[in-house]
Structure formats: structure tokens, C-alpha cells
Amino acid sequence: MIRISTIFIAICMVLVAASLGLVLHAVAGISGTESAIVALTALTFLILYNAVSMRLRDRSDVGSQIADLSRGTADLARQVAEFGRRLAAVEGRVVSANSASGDRIQAVVGEINELGVLVKQLAGSVASHEDLIASGAAAAPPEPAPAAIVAAPVAEPRTSPPSYTDVARPAPVAAPAPAEAAARSQPQLLAAVKNAIEENRLDIYLQPMVTLPQRKVRFYEAVTRLRDDNDQILAADDFIATAEAGGLMGRIDHMVMLRCVQVLRRLMVRNKDVGVFCNVSAATLANPTTFAQCLDFLEANRALAPSFVLEFKQATFRNLGPTETEHLAALSQRGYRFSIDHVSDLRVEPRELADRGVRFIKVPAALLLDPRQSSTSDIHPSDLSDLLGRFGIDLIAEKIEGERAVVDLLDFDVRFGQGFLFAPPRPLRPEGASATGGTTSNSTNGSNGPSPPASIPAPVASPAIEPSTRATGNAALARRAAGPG
């Protein structure tokens, strides 16, 4: 766009040329044509002069702009050089810091390796001393009762694991002899079960499930016992078949659920993370009338659903009918989780079980550690925990009898353990306030589970047994760390 100053200059040049032509015509008497030629000539010279002057002025402006641009470029180059210098300094510091960190890490790795060698040497020494102590205790002559109590835990290997019936019974009450139990007929056993239910002689024993390897109490399993008219203890295996045949399992399961909920409420006062496993029979699950009563009770206590686990046998899940499937779905909709026990083989479908609400599977430790299972099952036992974990199912190793089994199970990434090694089933106090007698002393190192009151009877094991059990476990771990030879 033409500037106003240029237009003004052009108008002025035209006026000056026209004025010159008029003056020559009026004063000098030159004709109009000649005066017009003179005026055009003057206008041409003025235009040429203006153009030349403007070109010179533009050249000077461009030169100044070029000079300014050169100065700006020089400043930018100096700033870039400064930034490059600072970046080089930062890179040098980072390299020096990395080298220093690498040197420190190498030093720490070397110290850790030295500590590992020392720990292996210490483990070997502890294992050898433990073997010497065990061999010396085994070779010692028999002494009176106090010495026998201390020496008994050293001879840990047993030909067969103790049964739940033998271990779980309180010491003051004599368990029925095998001949006496076999002599009791089916009608007599059914009458004893009916009388026990009518007179509320149903006892709840709790056995802890601990985390591995910390051995902190995380759950309790409720184990049912009945007392007959002579106060003889009837274990679950002794009366369940008879109760199912007589149609009494529904009442027993309902009473057990009631007691378990009461126990869970009392336990959660001290520890919100504790949970209780409650066994439910297949007969109760298949009976609509009995199940409706249990479902109403569980519906009223659905606030405890995250900590209350219903446990079924593996055979029950493998033989589910339409009624059982519908009942399981009703429990799952109310937030209850399920567990599977009495596992006889490792052929499981984790996805199907997880869809049905199963969150725990209890497998005997002997079955997990049996080398023959790798050929008979679809998955190696060492990979079972990872496979179940992908579907939100935790593997619990039950019936753990010795420290060597615990060490081997840790290689299988088993998170929870249960067995007589940690604690046998303990009876509740008469008011049912606690059932953890003797569990924390033998199964945890700093357990956060509820502390047991001193009045709970101890069915087996005395305080003198506990240090030897720990010593044997430390020796097994030491042998594991030291390796073969």
C-alpha cells in the first residue's frame, strides 16, 4: 500500500513543475507548448531525483537491518554455545554419578556375596550341630517322664501322620477305643447324634491357617465335634455319614454356621483381617428346605461375607446338579466366597471354579509333594499356585506334619499352610469367646492373630515341645540354604 508521504511528494512535484511552466509562459513570454515541455522536463528530473534518493535511503535501511540481524545472530550463537557448555557439564556430572553408583553397587554386591558365603557356612554349622544334638538325644537312655517330654519332639519322623480324631480331642476326655466305635451299631450312632443335637452337645474346634513363610494366623477352620451321652467325642468322619443318612446334616450345618458367625464376630473385634472357614455338606446344599433356612441366616449376616468362607468337598463341586448350582449362585450373589477341600487329585479347572465363586483350594501337602502327580495331572504341582492365582484363587496346603514339608512347599509358592505342625484343632471356651489356644506360640513369629486365653484346654503338646519344633525347623532351613553336601 502506497504511503501518504509518497503521495504528498508526488503532488508537490507536479505543482512545482506546473508552477515553473506558468512562470515561464507569463514572465518570459514562452509559448504554452514550450512552457509545458519545460514543466514536464522539470517533473521528470524531480521524479528521477526522488527515486534515486529513495533507493539510497532503502539501501542504508537494509544495511542497518542486516547489521542488526548479524548482531542478533551473534548473540544467539553465544547463547547456544553457553547452553552447550552447560549441557556438557551436566552430562559429565551424570556420568561421574553413574560411575560412582556403579562402584558402590559393585562394593555392595561383593559384601552381599561374602555375607552369603558366611551364611552358608553358618547354616552348615547349625545343621551339623542339630544333627549331633538329635543323634545324641536319640542315643540317650530312657529317663523319667520330664526327660521323655523334652526328647519326644526330636524324634520327629513318624511312620504315619496323626489323624484329626486323635489330635483334636481334649486330654481330660478319653476318646473311644476303635473296638468300641466299631461295636456301636448304626441305630445307636444315629440315636447318639440325635441326642447330641437335641441337647446342644455340638462343639466347635478351630484350627489356624497361617501365611508362609511368616506363619501369621490368617484364617481359622471350624471343625465340628459331637459329644454322646457319655461325653465321648465323635469326630466328623464318625458321624457325618450317619447324619446324612438320617437327614440331620441340615440341622448340624445350621448350628455350625450360627456358632461360626458368633466366633467370627468375636475374633474380628481384635483383628479385622481374620477369617473363618465353615464346612457345608452336600446334603444341605441339595435340600431346598434346609438350604433356605441357612440362606436366610447368611442373608442376615452378609456384612461378614468377605471374612466368612463356605467350604465344600471336591466331590460336591464335581457332581453339582441344577439345584446345587442355583444355591451356589445365590450364595455368590450375596458376596460369600467358597473353598474346596478333600482334594483327591490335581485335575482342576480354575476358570470354571472362579466363575462359581471359589477363592480357595485346600490340597494335602503330601499330594502336592508327590512326584507322581506331575505325570497324572494336567499341570505340575509347582505351577499350580501360579495357575490358580491368575484366576484369583489361593492355594492352601493342609495336613502339614513336618518342617521339611514347609521348606519344600515354599518352592511351590504356596501362600497358606494348615496342619498339626502349626497347631491342632483347639476347642472353644464354654462361652465361645476364643479358640486360639496354643496356636500363636507354635505357628507364628510375631503373629497378629488373636491372643489365646490361658483357660483353653490344650489337647496335645506341652510347652516343652515348642522349642524343639522350632529347632528342627531352623535345622531344615539351614540344610536347605547350605545345599547338598
Protein backbone atom coordinates (compact mmCIF):
# COMPACT_ATOMS: atom_id res chain seq x y z
CA MET A 1 0.00 0.00 0.00
CA ILE A 2 1.37 3.44 -1.09
CA ARG A 3 2.32 5.58 1.86
CA ILE A 4 0.77 9.05 2.35
CA SER A 5 4.19 10.73 2.30
CA THR A 6 4.87 9.37 -1.20
CA ILE A 7 1.54 10.71 -2.45
CA PHE A 8 2.27 14.10 -0.91
CA ILE A 9 5.72 14.27 -2.54
CA ALA A 10 4.25 13.36 -5.94
CA ILE A 11 1.62 16.12 -5.62
CA CYS A 12 4.31 18.60 -4.66
CA MET A 13 6.48 17.68 -7.65
CA VAL A 14 3.54 18.13 -10.02
CA LEU A 15 2.76 21.55 -8.50
CA VAL A 16 6.40 22.66 -8.75
CA ALA A 17 6.64 21.60 -12.44
CA ALA A 18 3.30 23.27 -13.28
CA SER A 19 4.34 26.47 -11.46
CA LEU A 20 7.62 26.53 -13.39
CA GLY A 21 5.78 26.24 -16.71
CA LEU A 22 3.31 29.03 -15.81
CA VAL A 23 6.10 31.35 -14.71
CA LEU A 24 8.00 30.85 -17.97
CA HIS A 25 4.83 31.44 -20.01
CA ALA A 26 3.78 34.56 -18.10
CA VAL A 27 7.10 36.25 -17.42
CA ALA A 28 9.44 35.08 -20.20
CA GLY A 29 6.75 35.06 -22.86
CA ILE A 30 7.38 31.50 -23.91
CA SER A 31 4.58 29.81 -25.69
CA GLY A 32 2.32 27.39 -23.92
CA THR A 33 3.75 24.37 -25.70
CA GLU A 34 7.30 25.21 -24.82
CA SER A 35 6.38 26.05 -21.24
CA ALA A 36 4.56 22.67 -20.98
CA ILE A 37 7.63 20.85 -22.29
CA VAL A 38 9.78 22.63 -19.73
CA ALA A 39 7.30 21.73 -16.98
CA LEU A 40 7.35 18.03 -17.98
CA THR A 41 11.11 18.04 -18.12
CA ALA A 42 11.30 19.55 -14.64
CA LEU A 43 8.78 16.96 -13.38
CA THR A 44 10.85 14.17 -14.88
CA PHE A 45 14.00 15.39 -13.15
CA LEU A 46 12.17 15.67 -9.86
CA ILE A 47 10.82 12.13 -10.22
CA LEU A 48 14.27 10.77 -11.02
CA TYR A 49 15.78 12.61 -8.09
CA ASN A 50 13.16 11.28 -5.71
CA ALA A 51 13.60 7.72 -6.95
CA VAL A 52 17.37 7.85 -6.58
CA SER A 53 17.15 9.35 -3.11
CA MET A 54 14.62 6.75 -2.00
CA ARG A 55 16.77 3.90 -3.35
CA LEU A 56 19.79 5.23 -1.45
CA ARG A 57 17.72 5.58 1.71
CA ASP A 58 16.39 2.00 1.34
CA ARG A 59 19.91 0.70 0.90
CA SER A 60 21.00 2.34 4.11
CA ASP A 61 17.95 0.89 5.92
CA VAL A 62 18.69 -2.62 4.62
CA GLY A 63 22.29 -2.30 5.73
CA SER A 64 21.23 -1.31 9.22
CA GLN A 65 18.77 -4.22 9.33
CA ILE A 66 21.48 -6.60 8.16
CA ALA A 67 23.77 -5.28 10.85
CA ASP A 68 21.06 -5.74 13.49
CA LEU A 69 20.41 -9.28 12.21
CA SER A 70 24.11 -10.05 12.38
CA ARG A 71 24.28 -8.81 15.94
CA GLY A 72 21.20 -10.93 16.88
CA THR A 73 22.70 -13.98 15.23
CA ALA A 74 25.93 -13.48 17.12
CA ASP A 75 24.02 -13.19 20.40
CA LEU A 76 22.07 -16.36 19.60
CA ALA A 77 25.29 -18.20 18.77
CA ARG A 78 26.78 -17.13 22.11
CA GLN A 79 23.68 -18.35 23.97
CA VAL A 80 23.73 -21.70 22.13
CA ALA A 81 27.40 -22.09 22.98
CA GLU A 82 26.61 -21.33 26.64
CA PHE A 83 23.81 -23.89 26.70
CA GLY A 84 26.10 -26.46 25.08
CA ARG A 85 28.73 -25.84 27.70
CA ARG A 86 26.20 -26.25 30.50
CA LEU A 87 24.80 -29.42 28.91
CA ALA A 88 28.29 -30.88 28.63
CA ALA A 89 28.88 -30.09 32.30
CA VAL A 90 25.60 -31.81 33.30
CA GLU A 91 26.44 -34.86 31.21
CA GLY A 92 29.84 -35.05 32.85
CA ARG A 93 28.23 -34.92 36.28
CA VAL A 94 25.73 -37.65 35.33
CA VAL A 95 28.49 -39.89 34.01
CA SER A 96 30.56 -39.38 37.14
CA ALA A 97 27.50 -40.06 39.34
CA ASN A 98 26.70 -43.25 37.40
CA SER A 99 30.27 -44.46 37.69
CA ALA A 100 30.26 -43.72 41.40
CA SER A 101 26.94 -45.54 41.83
CA GLY A 102 28.26 -48.49 39.85
CA ASP A 103 31.30 -48.65 42.09
CA ARG A 104 29.09 -48.55 45.19
CA ILE A 105 26.78 -51.25 43.79
CA GLN A 106 29.74 -53.46 42.99
CA ALA A 107 31.02 -52.97 46.51
CA VAL A 108 27.60 -53.83 47.98
CA VAL A 109 27.31 -56.90 45.74
CA GLY A 110 30.71 -58.06 46.87
CA GLU A 111 29.72 -57.63 50.53
CA ILE A 112 26.44 -59.49 49.92
CA ASN A 113 28.31 -62.35 48.30
CA GLU A 114 30.65 -62.52 51.26
CA LEU A 115 27.67 -62.49 53.63
CA GLY A 116 26.05 -65.28 51.58
CA VAL A 117 29.17 -67.40 51.94
CA LEU A 118 29.23 -66.74 55.68
CA VAL A 119 25.51 -67.57 55.99
CA LYS A 120 26.01 -70.86 54.13
CA GLN A 121 28.90 -71.72 56.40
CA LEU A 122 26.80 -70.82 59.44
CA ALA A 123 23.87 -72.85 58.09
CA GLY A 124 26.11 -75.87 57.62
CA SER A 125 27.42 -75.50 61.16
CA VAL A 126 23.89 -75.18 62.59
CA ALA A 127 22.73 -78.22 60.62
CA SER A 128 25.66 -80.32 61.79
CA HIS A 129 25.14 -79.25 65.42
CA GLU A 130 21.44 -80.02 65.14
CA ASP A 131 22.20 -83.46 63.74
CA LEU A 132 24.64 -84.08 66.59
CA ILE A 133 22.03 -82.98 69.13
CA ALA A 134 19.36 -85.14 67.52
CA SER A 135 21.63 -88.19 67.37
CA GLY A 136 22.73 -87.64 70.96
CA ALA A 137 19.15 -87.30 72.17
CA ALA A 138 18.11 -90.42 70.27
CA ALA A 139 21.00 -92.43 71.74
CA ALA A 140 20.34 -91.29 75.33
CA PRO A 141 18.85 -93.94 77.70
CA PRO A 142 15.17 -93.52 78.68
CA GLU A 143 14.59 -91.42 81.76
CA PRO A 144 11.53 -90.45 83.81
CA ALA A 145 8.60 -88.55 82.35
CA PRO A 146 10.09 -84.99 82.25
CA ALA A 147 13.03 -86.13 80.12
CA ALA A 148 10.74 -88.06 77.79
CA ILE A 149 8.66 -84.95 77.18
CA VAL A 150 11.69 -82.96 76.02
CA ALA A 151 13.14 -85.73 73.89
CA ALA A 152 9.91 -86.59 72.14
CA PRO A 153 9.95 -83.72 69.63
CA VAL A 154 13.49 -84.61 68.49
CA ALA A 155 12.32 -87.92 67.09
CA GLU A 156 10.18 -86.07 64.58
CA PRO A 157 9.87 -88.69 61.79
CA ARG A 158 6.70 -90.74 62.15
CA THR A 159 5.51 -93.73 60.25
CA SER A 160 2.10 -92.17 59.65
CA PRO A 161 0.63 -88.71 60.31
CA PRO A 162 -1.76 -88.38 63.25
CA SER A 163 -5.43 -88.28 62.44
CA TYR A 164 -7.67 -85.33 63.21
CA THR A 165 -9.60 -87.50 65.61
CA ASP A 166 -6.58 -88.33 67.78
CA VAL A 167 -5.08 -84.87 67.94
CA ALA A 168 -8.16 -82.74 68.29
CA ARG A 169 -9.62 -84.40 71.37
CA PRO A 170 -9.00 -82.79 74.75
CA ALA A 171 -6.71 -84.67 77.06
CA PRO A 172 -9.12 -84.91 80.05
CA VAL A 173 -11.72 -86.72 77.90
CA ALA A 174 -10.85 -90.21 76.78
CA ALA A 175 -11.51 -90.90 73.12
CA PRO A 176 -13.50 -94.01 72.27
CA ALA A 177 -11.40 -97.04 71.52
CA PRO A 178 -11.51 -98.40 67.97
CA ALA A 179 -13.20 -101.59 69.13
CA GLU A 180 -15.85 -99.61 71.00
CA ALA A 181 -16.54 -97.37 68.00
CA ALA A 182 -16.78 -100.35 65.69
CA ALA A 183 -19.10 -102.14 68.10
CA ARG A 184 -21.59 -99.24 68.04
CA SER A 185 -24.34 -100.06 65.59
CA GLN A 186 -25.84 -97.68 63.07
CA PRO A 187 -29.10 -97.13 65.02
CA GLN A 188 -27.13 -96.48 68.20
CA LEU A 189 -24.88 -94.00 66.44
CA LEU A 190 -27.88 -92.25 64.89
CA ALA A 191 -29.56 -92.04 68.31
CA ALA A 192 -26.37 -90.61 69.80
CA VAL A 193 -26.19 -87.97 67.07
CA LYS A 194 -29.86 -87.04 67.57
CA ASN A 195 -29.43 -86.72 71.32
CA ALA A 196 -26.29 -84.62 70.87
CA ILE A 197 -28.15 -82.25 68.54
CA GLU A 198 -31.22 -82.01 70.79
CA GLU A 199 -29.13 -81.33 73.90
CA ASN A 200 -26.77 -78.94 72.05
CA ARG A 201 -23.69 -81.07 72.66
CA LEU A 202 -22.07 -79.81 69.47
CA ASP A 203 -18.55 -78.45 69.96
CA ILE A 204 -16.58 -76.23 67.62
CA TYR A 205 -12.82 -76.68 67.33
CA LEU A 206 -10.74 -74.12 65.45
CA GLN A 207 -7.54 -74.91 63.57
CA PRO A 208 -5.49 -71.96 62.26
CA MET A 209 -4.31 -71.40 58.71
CA VAL A 210 -1.07 -69.44 58.62
CA THR A 211 0.78 -67.48 55.98
CA LEU A 212 4.00 -68.94 54.64
CA PRO A 213 6.78 -68.39 55.48
CA GLN A 214 5.80 -65.76 58.10
CA ARG A 215 3.38 -68.14 59.87
CA LYS A 216 0.94 -65.43 60.83
CA VAL A 217 -2.58 -66.61 61.56
CA ARG A 218 -4.84 -65.51 58.70
CA PHE A 219 -7.85 -67.85 58.85
CA TYR A 220 -9.42 -70.46 61.12
CA GLU A 221 -11.22 -73.60 60.04
CA ALA A 222 -14.19 -74.67 62.16
CA VAL A 223 -14.07 -78.40 62.90
CA THR A 224 -17.24 -80.00 64.28
CA ARG A 225 -17.25 -82.49 67.15
CA LEU A 226 -20.22 -84.16 68.88
CA ARG A 227 -20.36 -85.49 72.44
CA ASP A 228 -22.53 -88.50 73.17
CA ASP A 229 -24.32 -89.25 76.43
CA ASN A 230 -21.06 -90.49 77.97
CA ASP A 231 -19.14 -87.35 76.88
CA GLN A 232 -17.22 -89.38 74.33
CA ILE A 233 -16.05 -87.29 71.38
CA LEU A 234 -17.44 -88.13 67.96
CA ALA A 235 -15.26 -86.76 65.15
CA ALA A 236 -16.78 -85.55 61.91
CA ASP A 237 -15.74 -88.65 59.99
CA ASP A 238 -17.53 -90.80 62.59
CA PHE A 239 -20.98 -89.22 62.38
CA ILE A 240 -21.32 -87.35 59.05
CA ALA A 241 -22.35 -90.40 57.02
CA THR A 242 -24.89 -91.40 59.67
CA ALA A 243 -26.23 -87.84 59.99
CA GLU A 244 -26.66 -87.55 56.22
CA ALA A 245 -28.48 -90.88 56.09
CA GLY A 246 -30.77 -89.76 58.92
CA GLY A 247 -31.42 -86.31 57.44
CA LEU A 248 -29.72 -84.47 60.29
CA MET A 249 -26.92 -82.69 58.42
CA GLY A 250 -29.11 -79.66 57.73
CA ARG A 251 -29.64 -79.01 61.44
CA ILE A 252 -25.95 -79.63 62.16
CA ASP A 253 -24.80 -77.23 59.42
CA HIS A 254 -27.25 -74.56 60.60
CA MET A 255 -25.96 -74.85 64.18
CA VAL A 256 -22.34 -74.78 62.97
CA MET A 257 -22.99 -71.65 60.88
CA LEU A 258 -24.53 -69.95 63.89
CA ARG A 259 -21.55 -70.79 66.10
CA CYS A 260 -19.05 -69.82 63.40
CA VAL A 261 -20.66 -66.42 62.91
CA GLN A 262 -20.55 -65.82 66.66
CA VAL A 263 -16.88 -66.80 66.75
CA LEU A 264 -16.08 -64.62 63.74
CA ARG A 265 -17.70 -61.57 65.31
CA ARG A 266 -15.65 -62.04 68.47
CA LEU A 267 -12.42 -62.59 66.54
CA MET A 268 -12.96 -59.52 64.36
CA VAL A 269 -13.12 -57.33 67.46
CA ARG A 270 -9.36 -57.87 67.82
CA ASN A 271 -8.34 -58.40 64.20
CA LYS A 272 -10.34 -57.21 61.19
CA ASP A 273 -8.27 -59.33 58.77
CA VAL A 274 -9.15 -62.70 60.29
CA GLY A 275 -11.50 -65.13 58.52
CA VAL A 276 -13.34 -68.35 59.35
CA PHE A 277 -13.87 -71.40 57.12
CA CYS A 278 -17.16 -73.22 57.71
CA ASN A 279 -17.81 -76.67 56.21
CA VAL A 280 -21.12 -77.25 54.45
CA SER A 281 -22.27 -80.72 53.41
CA ALA A 282 -23.58 -81.69 50.01
CA ALA A 283 -26.86 -82.81 51.61
CA THR A 284 -27.53 -79.30 52.91
CA LEU A 285 -26.70 -77.76 49.55
CA ALA A 286 -29.08 -80.13 47.75
CA ASN A 287 -32.01 -79.80 50.21
CA PRO A 288 -34.12 -76.72 49.30
CA THR A 289 -35.84 -76.53 52.71
CA THR A 290 -32.69 -76.78 54.78
CA PHE A 291 -30.76 -74.52 52.44
CA ALA A 292 -33.49 -71.86 52.61
CA GLN A 293 -33.02 -71.65 56.40
CA CYS A 294 -29.24 -71.37 56.04
CA LEU A 295 -29.61 -68.79 53.26
CA ASP A 296 -31.90 -66.63 55.41
CA PHE A 297 -29.34 -66.73 58.20
CA LEU A 298 -26.46 -65.90 55.84
CA GLU A 299 -28.52 -63.10 54.27
CA ALA A 300 -28.94 -61.53 57.70
CA ASN A 301 -25.16 -61.69 58.23
CA ARG A 302 -24.00 -60.77 54.74
CA ALA A 303 -21.87 -57.97 56.23
CA LEU A 304 -19.47 -60.74 57.32
CA ALA A 305 -19.38 -62.33 53.86
CA PRO A 306 -15.81 -61.18 52.98
CA SER A 307 -14.47 -62.99 56.09
CA PHE A 308 -16.80 -65.99 56.14
CA VAL A 309 -15.77 -68.75 53.72
CA LEU A 310 -18.05 -71.69 52.98
CA GLU A 311 -16.14 -74.92 52.38
CA PHE A 312 -17.29 -77.83 50.21
CA LYS A 313 -15.72 -81.11 49.20
CA GLN A 314 -14.19 -81.55 45.78
CA ALA A 315 -16.66 -84.35 45.05
CA THR A 316 -19.53 -81.94 45.75
CA PHE A 317 -18.32 -79.49 43.11
CA ARG A 318 -17.77 -82.27 40.58
CA ASN A 319 -21.33 -83.58 40.99
CA LEU A 320 -23.31 -80.34 41.03
CA GLY A 321 -26.88 -80.61 39.85
CA PRO A 322 -29.27 -77.82 38.83
CA THR A 323 -30.41 -77.30 42.43
CA GLU A 324 -26.90 -77.15 43.86
CA THR A 325 -25.75 -74.80 41.09
CA GLU A 326 -28.66 -72.45 41.78
CA HIS A 327 -27.95 -72.47 45.52
CA LEU A 328 -24.25 -71.72 44.96
CA ALA A 329 -25.19 -68.82 42.69
CA ALA A 330 -27.49 -67.45 45.40
CA LEU A 331 -24.66 -67.54 47.94
CA SER A 332 -22.22 -65.96 45.48
CA GLN A 333 -24.65 -63.13 44.74
CA ARG A 334 -24.68 -62.30 48.44
CA GLY A 335 -20.88 -61.92 48.48
CA TYR A 336 -19.88 -65.24 50.05
CA ARG A 337 -16.72 -66.98 48.88
CA PHE A 338 -16.13 -70.72 48.65
CA SER A 339 -13.31 -73.12 49.41
CA ILE A 340 -12.70 -76.68 48.21
CA ASP A 341 -11.22 -79.35 50.46
CA HIS A 342 -10.89 -83.15 50.42
CA VAL A 343 -8.95 -82.80 47.15
CA SER A 344 -8.02 -86.22 45.81
CA ASP A 345 -6.29 -85.17 42.57
CA LEU A 346 -4.97 -82.02 40.88
CA ARG A 347 -7.25 -82.08 37.84
CA VAL A 348 -8.95 -78.72 38.36
CA GLU A 349 -10.45 -76.08 36.07
CA PRO A 350 -9.53 -72.72 37.64
CA ARG A 351 -11.65 -70.61 35.30
CA GLU A 352 -14.80 -72.64 35.97
CA LEU A 353 -14.18 -72.64 39.72
CA ALA A 354 -13.53 -68.90 39.80
CA ASP A 355 -16.76 -68.25 37.90
CA ARG A 356 -18.64 -70.22 40.57
CA GLY A 357 -17.13 -68.11 43.38
CA VAL A 358 -14.30 -70.38 44.57
CA ARG A 359 -11.44 -68.39 46.09
CA PHE A 360 -9.52 -71.09 47.99
CA ILE A 361 -8.44 -74.66 47.28
CA LYS A 362 -7.01 -76.80 50.06
CA VAL A 363 -4.68 -79.56 48.87
CA PRO A 364 -2.90 -82.01 51.19
CA ALA A 365 0.82 -81.34 51.39
CA ALA A 366 1.56 -84.99 50.62
CA LEU A 367 -0.42 -84.71 47.39
CA LEU A 368 1.45 -81.56 46.31
CA LEU A 369 4.84 -83.08 47.09
CA ASP A 370 4.04 -86.43 45.48
CA PRO A 371 6.30 -86.72 42.38
CA ARG A 372 3.75 -88.99 40.69
CA GLN A 373 1.26 -86.14 40.41
CA SER A 374 3.31 -84.48 37.67
CA SER A 375 2.51 -87.38 35.36
CA THR A 376 -1.11 -87.97 36.35
CA SER A 377 -2.32 -84.35 36.42
CA ASP A 378 -2.56 -81.73 33.69
CA ILE A 379 -0.12 -79.37 35.43
CA HIS A 380 2.99 -79.77 37.51
CA PRO A 381 2.28 -79.21 41.23
CA SER A 382 4.94 -76.49 41.39
CA ASP A 383 2.96 -74.44 38.83
CA LEU A 384 -0.44 -74.96 40.44
CA SER A 385 -0.24 -71.91 42.73
CA ASP A 386 0.61 -69.56 39.84
CA LEU A 387 -2.17 -71.04 37.68
CA LEU A 388 -4.77 -70.60 40.42
CA GLY A 389 -3.50 -67.12 41.24
CA ARG A 390 -4.26 -65.92 37.71
CA PHE A 391 -7.94 -66.54 38.44
CA GLY A 392 -7.93 -65.09 41.96
CA ILE A 393 -7.76 -68.46 43.77
CA ASP A 394 -5.36 -69.02 46.69
CA LEU A 395 -3.76 -72.42 47.25
CA ILE A 396 -3.71 -73.71 50.84
CA ALA A 397 -1.50 -76.67 51.74
CA GLU A 398 -3.17 -78.68 54.52
CA LYS A 399 -2.12 -81.59 56.71
CA ILE A 400 1.44 -80.29 57.05
CA GLU A 401 3.25 -82.53 59.52
CA GLY A 402 6.94 -81.52 59.38
CA GLU A 403 9.29 -78.64 58.77
CA ARG A 404 10.79 -80.33 55.72
CA ALA A 405 7.38 -80.16 54.03
CA VAL A 406 7.22 -76.40 54.72
CA VAL A 407 10.62 -75.86 53.11
CA ASP A 408 9.61 -77.84 50.04
CA LEU A 409 6.23 -76.07 49.77
CA LEU A 410 7.93 -72.67 49.71
CA ASP A 411 9.48 -73.69 46.37
CA PHE A 412 5.92 -74.22 45.09
CA ASP A 413 4.97 -70.61 46.01
CA VAL A 414 2.28 -71.78 48.45
CA ARG A 415 0.97 -68.79 50.42
CA PHE A 416 -1.01 -70.52 53.19
CA GLY A 417 -0.49 -73.63 55.28
CA GLN A 418 -2.52 -75.69 57.75
CA GLY A 419 -1.63 -78.71 59.80
CA PHE A 420 -0.62 -80.14 63.15
CA LEU A 421 2.84 -78.64 62.72
CA PHE A 422 1.37 -75.19 63.37
CA ALA A 423 -1.44 -76.16 65.74
CA PRO A 424 -4.06 -78.90 66.12
CA PRO A 425 -7.76 -78.02 66.30
CA ARG A 426 -8.49 -76.33 69.63
CA PRO A 427 -11.87 -76.35 71.38
CA LEU A 428 -13.66 -73.13 72.16
CA ARG A 429 -14.12 -71.92 75.69
CA PRO A 430 -17.59 -72.54 77.13
CA GLU A 431 -18.67 -69.01 76.22
CA GLY A 432 -17.13 -69.34 72.75
CA ALA A 433 -15.07 -66.18 73.11
CA SER A 434 -11.84 -67.57 71.67
CA ALA A 435 -10.43 -70.68 70.18
CA THR A 436 -6.82 -69.94 69.55
CA GLY A 437 -5.22 -71.67 72.47
CA GLY A 438 -1.66 -72.58 71.76
CA THR A 439 -1.73 -71.57 68.11
CA THR A 440 0.37 -68.46 68.13
CA SER A 441 3.20 -69.89 70.18
CA ASN A 442 3.81 -72.73 67.78
CA SER A 443 2.88 -71.23 64.44
CA THR A 444 3.95 -67.60 64.27
CA ASN A 445 6.87 -65.34 64.93
CA GLY A 446 5.07 -62.15 65.87
CA SER A 447 1.62 -63.26 64.69
CA ASN A 448 -1.04 -60.60 64.53
CA GLY A 449 -3.83 -63.08 65.23
CA PRO A 450 -5.95 -63.02 68.39
CA SER A 451 -4.09 -63.98 71.50
CA PRO A 452 -5.37 -67.13 73.23
CA PRO A 453 -6.62 -67.10 76.78
CA ALA A 454 -4.89 -69.37 79.24
CA SER A 455 -8.06 -71.21 80.18
CA ILE A 456 -8.44 -73.01 76.83
CA PRO A 457 -7.60 -76.69 77.20
CA ALA A 458 -4.61 -77.99 75.27
CA PRO A 459 -5.50 -81.31 73.64
CA VAL A 460 -1.93 -82.33 72.91
CA ALA A 461 1.57 -80.93 73.03
CA SER A 462 3.05 -79.24 76.04
CA PRO A 463 5.08 -76.00 76.17
CA ALA A 464 8.26 -78.06 76.33
CA ILE A 465 7.66 -79.33 72.81
CA GLU A 466 7.68 -75.95 71.10
CA PRO A 467 11.42 -75.07 71.26
CA SER A 468 12.36 -78.43 69.77
CA THR A 469 9.91 -77.92 66.92
CA ARG A 470 11.48 -74.56 66.13
CA ALA A 471 14.97 -76.01 66.37
CA THR A 472 14.07 -78.74 63.97
CA GLY A 473 12.62 -76.16 61.55
CA ASN A 474 15.74 -73.99 61.77
CA ALA A 475 17.89 -77.02 61.05
CA ALA A 476 15.81 -77.89 57.99
CA LEU A 477 16.04 -74.33 56.68
CA ALA A 478 19.77 -74.33 57.36
CA ARG A 479 20.24 -77.55 55.41
CA ARG A 480 18.21 -76.03 52.59
CA ALA A 481 20.44 -72.92 52.50
CA ALA A 482 23.66 -74.93 52.74
CA GLY A 483 22.68 -77.10 49.78
CA PRO A 484 23.72 -80.70 49.18
CA GLY A 485 26.93 -81.94 50.73
